[in-house]
PDB file of N, CA and C in Angstrom:
ATOM      1  N   MET A   1       0.845  -1.186   0.000  1.00  0.00           N
ATOM      2  CA  MET A   1       0.000   0.000   0.000  1.00  0.00           C
ATOM      3  C   MET A   1       0.884   1.241   0.000  1.00  0.00           C
ATOM      4  N   ASP A   2       0.573   2.176  -0.856  1.00  0.00           N
ATOM      5  CA  ASP A   2       1.381   3.382  -1.014  1.00  0.00           C
ATOM      6  C   ASP A   2       0.762   4.563  -0.279  1.00  0.00           C
ATOM      7  N   LYS A   3      -0.273   4.338   0.505  1.00  0.00           N
ATOM      8  CA  LYS A   3      -0.969   5.430   1.196  1.00  0.00           C
ATOM      9  C   LYS A   3      -1.009   5.170   2.698  1.00  0.00           C
ATOM     10  N   SER A   4      -1.061   6.258   3.463  1.00  0.00           N
ATOM     11  CA  SER A   4      -1.300   6.198   4.905  1.00  0.00           C
ATOM     12  C   SER A   4      -2.079   7.463   5.276  1.00  0.00           C
ATOM     13  N   PHE A   5      -2.273   7.676   6.566  1.00  0.00           N
ATOM     14  CA  PHE A   5      -3.062   8.823   7.001  1.00  0.00           C
ATOM     15  C   PHE A   5      -2.257   9.684   7.969  1.00  0.00           C
ATOM     16  N   CYS A   6      -2.459  10.985   7.886  1.00  0.00           N
ATOM     17  CA  CYS A   6      -1.815  11.939   8.795  1.00  0.00           C
ATOM     18  C   CYS A   6      -2.346  11.699  10.205  1.00  0.00           C
ATOM     19  N   PRO A   7      -1.462  11.640  11.215  1.00  0.00           N
ATOM     20  CA  PRO A   7      -1.921  11.401  12.583  1.00  0.00           C
ATOM     21  C   PRO A   7      -2.666  12.592  13.185  1.00  0.00           C
ATOM     22  N   VAL A   8      -2.561  13.779  12.581  1.00  0.00           N
ATOM     23  CA  VAL A   8      -3.207  14.971  13.129  1.00  0.00           C
ATOM     24  C   VAL A   8      -4.564  15.223  12.471  1.00  0.00           C
ATOM     25  N   CYS A   9      -4.564  15.342  11.139  1.00  0.00           N
ATOM     26  CA  CYS A   9      -5.812  15.708  10.457  1.00  0.00           C
ATOM     27  C   CYS A   9      -6.469  14.534   9.728  1.00  0.00           C
ATOM     28  N   HIS A  10      -5.814  13.375   9.745  1.00  0.00           N
ATOM     29  CA  HIS A  10      -6.347  12.139   9.159  1.00  0.00           C
ATOM     30  C   HIS A  10      -6.587  12.235   7.652  1.00  0.00           C
ATOM     31  N   THR A  11      -5.854  13.121   6.988  1.00  0.00           N
ATOM     32  CA  THR A  11      -5.898  13.215   5.532  1.00  0.00           C
ATOM     33  C   THR A  11      -5.025  12.100   4.962  1.00  0.00           C
ATOM     34  N   GLU A  12      -5.428  11.538   3.856  1.00  0.00           N
ATOM     35  CA  GLU A  12      -4.645  10.486   3.217  1.00  0.00           C
ATOM     36  C   GLU A  12      -3.377  11.102   2.625  1.00  0.00           C
ATOM     37  N   VAL A  13      -2.214  10.509   2.954  1.00  0.00           N
ATOM     38  CA  VAL A  13      -0.913  10.972   2.458  1.00  0.00           C
ATOM     39  C   VAL A  13      -0.144   9.775   1.905  1.00  0.00           C
ATOM     40  N   ARG A  14       0.824  10.052   1.045  1.00  0.00           N
ATOM     41  CA  ARG A  14       1.688   8.992   0.517  1.00  0.00           C
ATOM     42  C   ARG A  14       2.741   8.642   1.561  1.00  0.00           C
ATOM     43  N   LEU A  15       3.228   7.416   1.552  1.00  0.00           N
ATOM     44  CA  LEU A  15       4.275   6.995   2.488  1.00  0.00           C
ATOM     45  C   LEU A  15       5.576   7.752   2.254  1.00  0.00           C
ATOM     46  N   SER A  16       5.775   8.225   1.035  1.00  0.00           N
ATOM     47  CA  SER A  16       7.005   8.947   0.718  1.00  0.00           C
ATOM     48  C   SER A  16       6.950  10.425   1.118  1.00  0.00           C
ATOM     49  N   ASP A  17       5.785  10.919   1.534  1.00  0.00           N
ATOM     50  CA  ASP A  17       5.655  12.327   1.939  1.00  0.00           C
ATOM     51  C   ASP A  17       6.326  12.555   3.291  1.00  0.00           C
ATOM     52  N   TYR A  18       7.035  13.671   3.388  1.00  0.00           N
ATOM     53  CA  TYR A  18       7.654  14.037   4.661  1.00  0.00           C
ATOM     54  C   TYR A  18       6.736  14.934   5.488  1.00  0.00           C
ATOM     55  N   PHE A  19       5.836  15.650   4.821  1.00  0.00           N
ATOM     56  CA  PHE A  19       4.903  16.546   5.501  1.00  0.00           C
ATOM     57  C   PHE A  19       3.501  16.306   4.966  1.00  0.00           C
ATOM     58  N   CYS A  20       2.529  16.495   5.833  1.00  0.00           N
ATOM     59  CA  CYS A  20       1.134  16.421   5.412  1.00  0.00           C
ATOM     60  C   CYS A  20       0.831  17.677   4.592  1.00  0.00           C
ATOM     61  N   PHE A  21       0.296  17.496   3.389  1.00  0.00           N
ATOM     62  CA  PHE A  21       0.011  18.650   2.541  1.00  0.00           C
ATOM     63  C   PHE A  21      -1.181  19.448   3.067  1.00  0.00           C
ATOM     64  N   ASN A  22      -1.967  18.864   3.966  1.00  0.00           N
ATOM     65  CA  ASN A  22      -3.141  19.548   4.489  1.00  0.00           C
ATOM     66  C   ASN A  22      -2.812  20.403   5.718  1.00  0.00           C
ATOM     67  N   CYS A  23      -2.147  19.799   6.720  1.00  0.00           N
ATOM     68  CA  CYS A  23      -1.894  20.538   7.969  1.00  0.00           C
ATOM     69  C   CYS A  23      -0.430  20.877   8.198  1.00  0.00           C
ATOM     70  N   GLY A  24       0.477  20.284   7.413  1.00  0.00           N
ATOM     71  CA  GLY A  24       1.897  20.597   7.552  1.00  0.00           C
ATOM     72  C   GLY A  24       2.626  19.762   8.582  1.00  0.00           C
ATOM     73  N   LYS A  25       1.981  18.764   9.174  1.00  0.00           N
ATOM     74  CA  LYS A  25       2.599  17.920  10.201  1.00  0.00           C
ATOM     75  C   LYS A  25       3.800  17.187   9.613  1.00  0.00           C
ATOM     76  N   ASN A  26       4.900  17.151  10.361  1.00  0.00           N
ATOM     77  CA  ASN A  26       6.089  16.409   9.958  1.00  0.00           C
ATOM     78  C   ASN A  26       5.795  14.919  10.117  1.00  0.00           C
ATOM     79  N   LEU A  27       5.789  14.183   9.011  1.00  0.00           N
ATOM     80  CA  LEU A  27       5.438  12.765   9.044  1.00  0.00           C
ATOM     81  C   LEU A  27       6.636  11.862   9.281  1.00  0.00           C
ATOM     82  N   HIS A  28       7.830  12.315   8.952  1.00  0.00           N
ATOM     83  CA  HIS A  28       9.063  11.551   9.137  1.00  0.00           C
ATOM     84  C   HIS A  28      10.110  12.468   9.743  1.00  0.00           C
ATOM     85  N   GLU A  29      10.877  11.935  10.679  1.00  0.00           N
ATOM     86  CA  GLU A  29      11.973  12.723  11.235  1.00  0.00           C
ATOM     87  C   GLU A  29      13.031  12.926  10.156  1.00  0.00           C
ATOM     88  N   LYS A  30      13.514  14.152  10.039  1.00  0.00           N
ATOM     89  CA  LYS A  30      14.543  14.451   9.049  1.00  0.00           C
ATOM     90  C   LYS A  30      15.824  13.731   9.455  1.00  0.00           C
ATOM     91  N   PRO A  31      16.415  12.964   8.553  1.00  0.00           N
ATOM     92  CA  PRO A  31      17.633  12.244   8.918  1.00  0.00           C
ATOM     93  C   PRO A  31      18.784  13.221   9.158  1.00  0.00           C
ATOM     94  N   PRO A  32      19.619  12.948  10.171  1.00  0.00           N
ATOM     95  CA  PRO A  32      20.752  13.841  10.417  1.00  0.00           C
ATOM     96  C   PRO A  32      21.749  13.774   9.258  1.00  0.00           C
ATOM     97  N   SER A  33      22.359  14.885   8.985  1.00  0.00           N
ATOM     98  CA  SER A  33      23.290  14.997   7.874  1.00  0.00           C
ATOM     99  C   SER A  33      24.627  14.349   8.214  1.00  0.00           C
ATOM    100  N   VAL A  34      25.251  13.701   7.223  1.00  0.00           N
ATOM    101  CA  VAL A  34      26.561  13.092   7.425  1.00  0.00           C
ATOM    102  C   VAL A  34      27.616  13.757   6.541  1.00  0.00           C
ATOM    103  N   THR A  35      27.378  15.015   6.173  1.00  0.00           N
ATOM    104  CA  THR A  35      28.367  15.751   5.388  1.00  0.00           C
ATOM    105  C   THR A  35      29.587  16.018   6.262  1.00  0.00           C
ATOM    106  N   PRO A  36      30.739  16.244   5.659  1.00  0.00           N
ATOM    107  CA  PRO A  36      31.933  16.533   6.460  1.00  0.00           C
ATOM    108  C   PRO A  36      31.753  17.737   7.388  1.00  0.00           C
ATOM    109  N   GLU A  37      31.018  18.754   6.929  1.00  0.00           N
ATOM    110  CA  GLU A  37      30.808  19.934   7.761  1.00  0.00           C
ATOM    111  C   GLU A  37      29.957  19.595   8.996  1.00  0.00           C
ATOM    112  N   SER A  38      28.903  18.814   8.789  1.00  0.00           N
ATOM    113  CA  SER A  38      28.053  18.462   9.932  1.00  0.00           C
ATOM    114  C   SER A  38      28.781  17.524  10.882  1.00  0.00           C
ATOM    115  N   GLN A  39      29.630  16.656  10.344  1.00  0.00           N
ATOM    116  CA  GLN A  39      30.424  15.785  11.209  1.00  0.00           C
ATOM    117  C   GLN A  39      31.406  16.606  12.044  1.00  0.00           C
ATOM    118  N   ALA A  40      32.050  17.587  11.423  1.00  0.00           N
ATOM    119  CA  ALA A  40      32.993  18.437  12.160  1.00  0.00           C
ATOM    120  C   ALA A  40      32.275  19.183  13.283  1.00  0.00           C
ATOM    121  N   MET A  41      31.086  19.700  12.994  1.00  0.00           N
ATOM    122  CA  MET A  41      30.318  20.405  14.028  1.00  0.00           C
ATOM    123  C   MET A  41      29.912  19.445  15.150  1.00  0.00           C
ATOM    124  N   LEU A  42      29.514  18.236  14.792  1.00  0.00           N
ATOM    125  CA  LEU A  42      29.134  17.238  15.788  1.00  0.00           C
ATOM    126  C   LEU A  42      30.319  16.885  16.678  1.00  0.00           C
ATOM    127  N   TYR A  43      31.481  16.659  16.081  1.00  0.00           N
ATOM    128  CA  TYR A  43      32.655  16.279  16.857  1.00  0.00           C
ATOM    129  C   TYR A  43      33.142  17.432  17.729  1.00  0.00           C
ATOM    130  N   LEU A  44      33.105  18.648  17.206  1.00  0.00           N
ATOM    131  CA  LEU A  44      33.477  19.810  18.038  1.00  0.00           C
ATOM    132  C   LEU A  44      32.494  19.988  19.191  1.00  0.00           C
ATOM    133  N   GLY A  45      31.213  19.796  18.909  1.00  0.00           N
ATOM    134  CA  GLY A  45      30.210  19.869  19.972  1.00  0.00           C
ATOM    135  C   GLY A  45      30.431  18.793  21.016  1.00  0.00           C
ATOM    136  N   SER A  46      30.843  17.607  20.586  1.00  0.00           N
ATOM    137  CA  SER A  46      31.118  16.519  21.524  1.00  0.00           C
ATOM    138  C   SER A  46      32.322  16.837  22.406  1.00  0.00           C
ATOM    139  N   ILE A  47      33.262  17.605  21.874  1.00  0.00           N
ATOM    140  CA  ILE A  47      34.445  17.979  22.657  1.00  0.00           C
ATOM    141  C   ILE A  47      34.115  19.093  23.639  1.00  0.00           C
ATOM    142  N   PHE A  48      33.436  20.132  23.177  1.00  0.00           N
ATOM    143  CA  PHE A  48      33.205  21.309  24.007  1.00  0.00           C
ATOM    144  C   PHE A  48      31.936  21.238  24.851  1.00  0.00           C
ATOM    145  N   LEU A  49      30.984  20.405  24.482  1.00  0.00           N
ATOM    146  CA  LEU A  49      29.753  20.207  25.259  1.00  0.00           C
ATOM    147  C   LEU A  49      29.543  18.703  25.445  1.00  0.00           C
ATOM    148  N   PRO A  50      30.453  18.045  26.209  1.00  0.00           N
ATOM    149  CA  PRO A  50      30.475  16.587  26.233  1.00  0.00           C
ATOM    150  C   PRO A  50      29.148  15.893  26.535  1.00  0.00           C
ATOM    151  N   PRO A  51      28.380  16.294  27.500  1.00  0.00           N
ATOM    152  CA  PRO A  51      27.157  15.511  27.722  1.00  0.00           C
ATOM    153  C   PRO A  51      26.228  15.509  26.506  1.00  0.00           C
ATOM    154  N   MET A  52      26.227  16.581  25.746  1.00  0.00           N
ATOM    155  CA  MET A  52      25.352  16.664  24.576  1.00  0.00           C
ATOM    156  C   MET A  52      25.795  15.718  23.466  1.00  0.00           C
ATOM    157  N   GLY A  53      27.083  15.369  23.434  1.00  0.00           N
ATOM    158  CA  GLY A  53      27.580  14.448  22.421  1.00  0.00           C
ATOM    159  C   GLY A  53      26.883  13.101  22.467  1.00  0.00           C
ATOM    160  N   VAL A  54      26.487  12.677  23.657  1.00  0.00           N
ATOM    161  CA  VAL A  54      25.768  11.412  23.792  1.00  0.00           C
ATOM    162  C   VAL A  54      24.393  11.527  23.126  1.00  0.00           C
ATOM    163  N   ILE A  55      23.704  12.619  23.375  1.00  0.00           N
ATOM    164  CA  ILE A  55      22.368  12.811  22.796  1.00  0.00           C
ATOM    165  C   ILE A  55      22.454  12.940  21.279  1.00  0.00           C
ATOM    166  N   TRP A  56      23.381  13.767  20.814  1.00  0.00           N
ATOM    167  CA  TRP A  56      23.534  13.944  19.373  1.00  0.00           C
ATOM    168  C   TRP A  56      23.984  12.647  18.707  1.00  0.00           C
ATOM    169  N   GLY A  57      24.914  11.941  19.330  1.00  0.00           N
ATOM    170  CA  GLY A  57      25.391  10.673  18.776  1.00  0.00           C
ATOM    171  C   GLY A  57      24.278   9.641  18.702  1.00  0.00           C
ATOM    172  N   TRP A  58      23.392   9.636  19.695  1.00  0.00           N
ATOM    173  CA  TRP A  58      22.276   8.692  19.710  1.00  0.00           C
ATOM    174  C   TRP A  58      21.349   8.901  18.504  1.00  0.00           C
ATOM    175  N   ARG A  59      21.155  10.167  18.122  1.00  0.00           N
ATOM    176  CA  ARG A  59      20.325  10.447  16.939  1.00  0.00           C
ATOM    177  C   ARG A  59      20.902   9.771  15.696  1.00  0.00           C
ATOM    178  N   TYR A  60      22.224   9.755  15.587  1.00  0.00           N
ATOM    179  CA  TYR A  60      22.855   9.118  14.438  1.00  0.00           C
ATOM    180  C   TYR A  60      22.798   7.596  14.556  1.00  0.00           C
ATOM    181  N   LEU A  61      22.945   7.073  15.748  1.00  0.00           N
ATOM    182  CA  LEU A  61      22.913   5.623  15.934  1.00  0.00           C
ATOM    183  C   LEU A  61      21.541   5.026  15.630  1.00  0.00           C
ATOM    184  N   LYS A  62      20.479   5.801  15.762  1.00  0.00           N
ATOM    185  CA  LYS A  62      19.131   5.304  15.482  1.00  0.00           C
ATOM    186  C   LYS A  62      18.874   5.128  13.990  1.00  0.00           C
ATOM    187  N   ARG A  63      19.679   5.710  13.142  1.00  0.00           N
ATOM    188  CA  ARG A  63      19.477   5.617  11.699  1.00  0.00           C
ATOM    189  C   ARG A  63      19.847   4.220  11.205  1.00  0.00           C
ATOM    190  N   ASP A  64      19.376   3.859  10.020  1.00  0.00           N
ATOM    191  CA  ASP A  64      19.613   2.525   9.474  1.00  0.00           C
ATOM    192  C   ASP A  64      20.923   2.399   8.705  1.00  0.00           C
ATOM    193  N   ASP A  65      21.421   3.498   8.143  1.00  0.00           N
ATOM    194  CA  ASP A  65      22.611   3.386   7.302  1.00  0.00           C
ATOM    195  C   ASP A  65      23.890   3.309   8.138  1.00  0.00           C
ATOM    196  N   GLN A  66      24.875   2.617   7.592  1.00  0.00           N
ATOM    197  CA  GLN A  66      26.131   2.343   8.285  1.00  0.00           C
ATOM    198  C   GLN A  66      26.928   3.619   8.557  1.00  0.00           C
ATOM    199  N   LYS A  67      26.930   4.555   7.628  1.00  0.00           N
ATOM    200  CA  LYS A  67      27.697   5.800   7.801  1.00  0.00           C
ATOM    201  C   LYS A  67      27.183   6.580   9.012  1.00  0.00           C
ATOM    202  N   SER A  68      25.874   6.679   9.175  1.00  0.00           N
ATOM    203  CA  SER A  68      25.307   7.381  10.332  1.00  0.00           C
ATOM    204  C   SER A  68      25.683   6.689  11.631  1.00  0.00           C
ATOM    205  N   LYS A  69      25.683   5.363  11.619  1.00  0.00           N
ATOM    206  CA  LYS A  69      26.048   4.615  12.826  1.00  0.00           C
ATOM    207  C   LYS A  69      27.513   4.863  13.204  1.00  0.00           C
ATOM    208  N   ILE A  70      28.384   4.938  12.201  1.00  0.00           N
ATOM    209  CA  ILE A  70      29.800   5.222  12.463  1.00  0.00           C
ATOM    210  C   ILE A  70      29.966   6.625  13.038  1.00  0.00           C
ATOM    211  N   VAL A  71      29.282   7.602  12.439  1.00  0.00           N
ATOM    212  CA  VAL A  71      29.361   8.987  12.924  1.00  0.00           C
ATOM    213  C   VAL A  71      28.864   9.071  14.362  1.00  0.00           C
ATOM    214  N   GLY A  72      27.757   8.415  14.673  1.00  0.00           N
ATOM    215  CA  GLY A  72      27.217   8.413  16.034  1.00  0.00           C
ATOM    216  C   GLY A  72      28.156   7.755  17.021  1.00  0.00           C
ATOM    217  N   THR A  73      28.760   6.640  16.619  1.00  0.00           N
ATOM    218  CA  THR A  73      29.700   5.943  17.498  1.00  0.00           C
ATOM    219  C   THR A  73      30.923   6.807  17.783  1.00  0.00           C
ATOM    220  N   VAL A  74      31.459   7.453  16.757  1.00  0.00           N
ATOM    221  CA  VAL A  74      32.629   8.325  16.943  1.00  0.00           C
ATOM    222  C   VAL A  74      32.283   9.474  17.888  1.00  0.00           C
ATOM    223  N   ALA A  75      31.112  10.070  17.710  1.00  0.00           N
ATOM    224  CA  ALA A  75      30.703  11.175  18.583  1.00  0.00           C
ATOM    225  C   ALA A  75      30.594  10.710  20.035  1.00  0.00           C
ATOM    226  N   MET A  76      30.050   9.524  20.251  1.00  0.00           N
ATOM    227  CA  MET A  76      29.912   9.022  21.620  1.00  0.00           C
ATOM    228  C   MET A  76      31.264   8.662  22.226  1.00  0.00           C
ATOM    229  N   VAL A  77      32.161   8.097  21.416  1.00  0.00           N
ATOM    230  CA  VAL A  77      33.503   7.762  21.921  1.00  0.00           C
ATOM    231  C   VAL A  77      34.252   9.041  22.285  1.00  0.00           C
ATOM    232  N   ILE A  78      34.182  10.055  21.444  1.00  0.00           N
ATOM    233  CA  ILE A  78      34.822  11.342  21.750  1.00  0.00           C
ATOM    234  C   ILE A  78      34.256  11.901  23.048  1.00  0.00           C
ATOM    235  N   THR A  79      32.955  11.833  23.222  1.00  0.00           N
ATOM    236  CA  THR A  79      32.309  12.348  24.430  1.00  0.00           C
ATOM    237  C   THR A  79      32.816  11.628  25.666  1.00  0.00           C
ATOM    238  N   VAL A  80      32.897  10.302  25.606  1.00  0.00           N
ATOM    239  CA  VAL A  80      33.357   9.523  26.765  1.00  0.00           C
ATOM    240  C   VAL A  80      34.815   9.856  27.077  1.00  0.00           C
ATOM    241  N   ILE A  81      35.647   9.967  26.058  1.00  0.00           N
ATOM    242  CA  ILE A  81      37.060  10.298  26.286  1.00  0.00           C
ATOM    243  C   ILE A  81      37.193  11.672  26.925  1.00  0.00           C
ATOM    244  N   VAL A  82      36.462  12.660  26.419  1.00  0.00           N
ATOM    245  CA  VAL A  82      36.528  14.013  26.974  1.00  0.00           C
ATOM    246  C   VAL A  82      36.036  14.026  28.425  1.00  0.00           C
ATOM    247  N   LEU A  83      34.967  13.300  28.705  1.00  0.00           N
ATOM    248  CA  LEU A  83      34.467  13.244  30.090  1.00  0.00           C
ATOM    249  C   LEU A  83      35.471  12.580  31.020  1.00  0.00           C
ATOM    250  N   LEU A  84      36.114  11.494  30.571  1.00  0.00           N
ATOM    251  CA  LEU A  84      37.125  10.835  31.400  1.00  0.00           C
ATOM    252  C   LEU A  84      38.324  11.742  31.650  1.00  0.00           C
ATOM    253  N   LEU A  85      38.753  12.474  30.609  1.00  0.00           N
ATOM    254  CA  LEU A  85      39.856  13.422  30.787  1.00  0.00           C
ATOM    255  C   LEU A  85      39.473  14.549  31.747  1.00  0.00           C
ATOM    256  N   ALA A  86      38.243  15.027  31.656  1.00  0.00           N
ATOM    257  CA  ALA A  86      37.793  16.089  32.562  1.00  0.00           C
ATOM    258  C   ALA A  86      37.782  15.601  34.006  1.00  0.00           C
ATOM    259  N   VAL A  87      37.342  14.381  34.221  1.00  0.00           N
ATOM    260  CA  VAL A  87      37.342  13.826  35.584  1.00  0.00           C
ATOM    261  C   VAL A  87      38.772  13.675  36.090  1.00  0.00           C
ATOM    262  N   LYS A  88      39.676  13.166  35.244  1.00  0.00           N
ATOM    263  CA  LYS A  88      41.071  13.001  35.664  1.00  0.00           C
ATOM    264  C   LYS A  88      41.704  14.345  36.004  1.00  0.00           C
ATOM    265  N   TRP A  89      41.497  15.343  35.159  1.00  0.00           N
ATOM    266  CA  TRP A  89      42.069  16.661  35.427  1.00  0.00           C
ATOM    267  C   TRP A  89      41.478  17.264  36.699  1.00  0.00           C
ATOM    268  N   THR A  90      40.213  17.071  36.919  1.00  0.00           N
ATOM    269  CA  THR A  90      39.584  17.589  38.134  1.00  0.00           C
ATOM    270  C   THR A  90      40.169  16.938  39.372  1.00  0.00           C
ATOM    271  N   VAL A  91      40.345  15.624  39.336  1.00  0.00           N
ATOM    272  CA  VAL A  91      40.934  14.908  40.481  1.00  0.00           C
ATOM    273  C   VAL A  91      42.369  15.381  40.699  1.00  0.00           C
ATOM    274  N   ASP A  92      43.138  15.560  39.632  1.00  0.00           N
ATOM    275  CA  ASP A  92      44.518  16.042  39.766  1.00  0.00           C
ATOM    276  C   ASP A  92      44.561  17.436  40.390  1.00  0.00           C
ATOM    277  N   ILE A  93      43.663  18.309  39.981  1.00  0.00           N
ATOM    278  CA  ILE A  93      43.631  19.667  40.541  1.00  0.00           C
ATOM    279  C   ILE A  93      43.251  19.627  42.016  1.00  0.00           C
ATOM    280  N   VAL A  94      42.256  18.842  42.362  1.00  0.00           N
ATOM    281  CA  VAL A  94      41.835  18.738  43.765  1.00  0.00           C
ATOM    282  C   VAL A  94      42.978  18.176  44.610  1.00  0.00           C
ATOM    283  N   ASN A  95      43.670  17.165  44.117  1.00  0.00           N
ATOM    284  CA  ASN A  95      44.805  16.603  44.861  1.00  0.00           C
ATOM    285  C   ASN A  95      45.927  17.624  45.013  1.00  0.00           C
ATOM    286  N   ALA A  96      46.203  18.413  43.970  1.00  0.00           N
ATOM    287  CA  ALA A  96      47.254  19.431  44.058  1.00  0.00           C
ATOM    288  C   ALA A  96      46.880  20.503  45.077  1.00  0.00           C
ATOM    289  N   VAL A  97      45.626  20.919  45.096  1.00  0.00           N
ATOM    290  CA  VAL A  97      45.180  21.924  46.058  1.00  0.00           C
ATOM    291  C   VAL A  97      45.255  21.357  47.471  1.00  0.00           C
ATOM    292  N   ASN A  98      44.849  20.117  47.655  1.00  0.00           N
ATOM    293  CA  ASN A  98      44.943  19.494  48.983  1.00  0.00           C
ATOM    294  C   ASN A  98      46.387  19.395  49.445  1.00  0.00           C
ATOM    295  N   LYS A  99      47.292  19.073  48.538  1.00  0.00           N
ATOM    296  CA  LYS A  99      48.715  18.996  48.886  1.00  0.00           C
ATOM    297  C   LYS A  99      49.233  20.365  49.312  1.00  0.00           C
ATOM    298  N   GLN A 100      48.858  21.412  48.552  1.00  0.00           N
ATOM    299  CA  GLN A 100      49.281  22.766  48.895  1.00  0.00           C
ATOM    300  C   GLN A 100      48.714  23.193  50.245  1.00  0.00           C
ATOM    301  N   MET A 101      47.459  22.858  50.490  1.00  0.00           N
ATOM    302  CA  MET A 101      46.832  23.219  51.764  1.00  0.00           C
ATOM    303  C   MET A 101      47.491  22.472  52.914  1.00  0.00           C
ATOM    304  N   GLY A 102      47.886  21.234  52.686  1.00  0.00           N
ATOM    305  CA  GLY A 102      48.591  20.465  53.711  1.00  0.00           C
ATOM    306  C   GLY A 102      49.928  21.093  54.049  1.00  0.00           C
ATOM    307  N   GLN A 103      50.660  21.544  53.029  1.00  0.00           N
ATOM    308  CA  GLN A 103      51.918  22.226  53.273  1.00  0.00           C
ATOM    309  C   GLN A 103      51.703  23.540  53.992  1.00  0.00           C
ATOM    310  N   PHE A 104      50.670  24.258  53.618  1.00  0.00           N
ATOM    311  CA  PHE A 104      50.357  25.532  54.253  1.00  0.00           C
ATOM    312  C   PHE A 104      49.998  25.333  55.728  1.00  0.00           C
ATOM    313  N   ASN A 105      49.184  24.324  56.023  1.00  0.00           N
ATOM    314  CA  ASN A 105      48.794  24.055  57.402  1.00  0.00           C
ATOM    315  C   ASN A 105      49.980  23.617  58.241  1.00  0.00           C
ATOM    316  N   SER A 106      50.909  22.843  57.678  1.00  0.00           N
ATOM    317  CA  SER A 106      52.093  22.418  58.458  1.00  0.00           C
ATOM    318  C   SER A 106      53.017  23.604  58.721  1.00  0.00           C
ATOM    319  N   MET A 107      53.036  24.612  57.860  1.00  0.00           N
ATOM    320  CA  MET A 107      53.880  25.788  58.076  1.00  0.00           C
ATOM    321  C   MET A 107      53.288  26.669  59.176  1.00  0.00           C
ATOM    322  N   GLN A 108      51.991  26.670  59.365  1.00  0.00           N
ATOM    323  CA  GLN A 108      51.379  27.494  60.382  1.00  0.00           C
ATOM    324  C   GLN A 108      51.671  26.991  61.778  1.00  0.00           C
ATOM    325  N   GLY A 109      52.065  25.729  61.915  1.00  0.00           N
ATOM    326  CA  GLY A 109      52.357  25.161  63.224  1.00  0.00           C
ATOM    327  C   GLY A 109      53.635  25.701  63.843  1.00  0.00           C
ATOM    328  N   PHE A 110      54.483  26.411  63.128  1.00  0.00           N
ATOM    329  CA  PHE A 110      55.749  26.927  63.675  1.00  0.00           C
ATOM    330  C   PHE A 110      55.556  28.219  64.392  1.00  0.00           C
TER     331      PHE A 110
END
């Protein structure tokens, strides 16, 4: 069957339609772009806004084509690496501050 119905206005639409011609309802989610520019933006976003990389990467992983799945996986791996590095750097800074405070407190005892 080449026909279906709009979930909002119940007008008959073709399966290949992205929007209902009657009410304008989006019938299919627009697939995320896998152009080099969009990949660069996704990877930069995964680096500078790490938690969002998981959400954005998931959108790509839900697609059926292999290229989208690879892009989503790379975005999620970058996000996990950046988060792990941020945790390590935070722990190192906290330990350095604690060490400095320990030295400062031992000097006050004189």
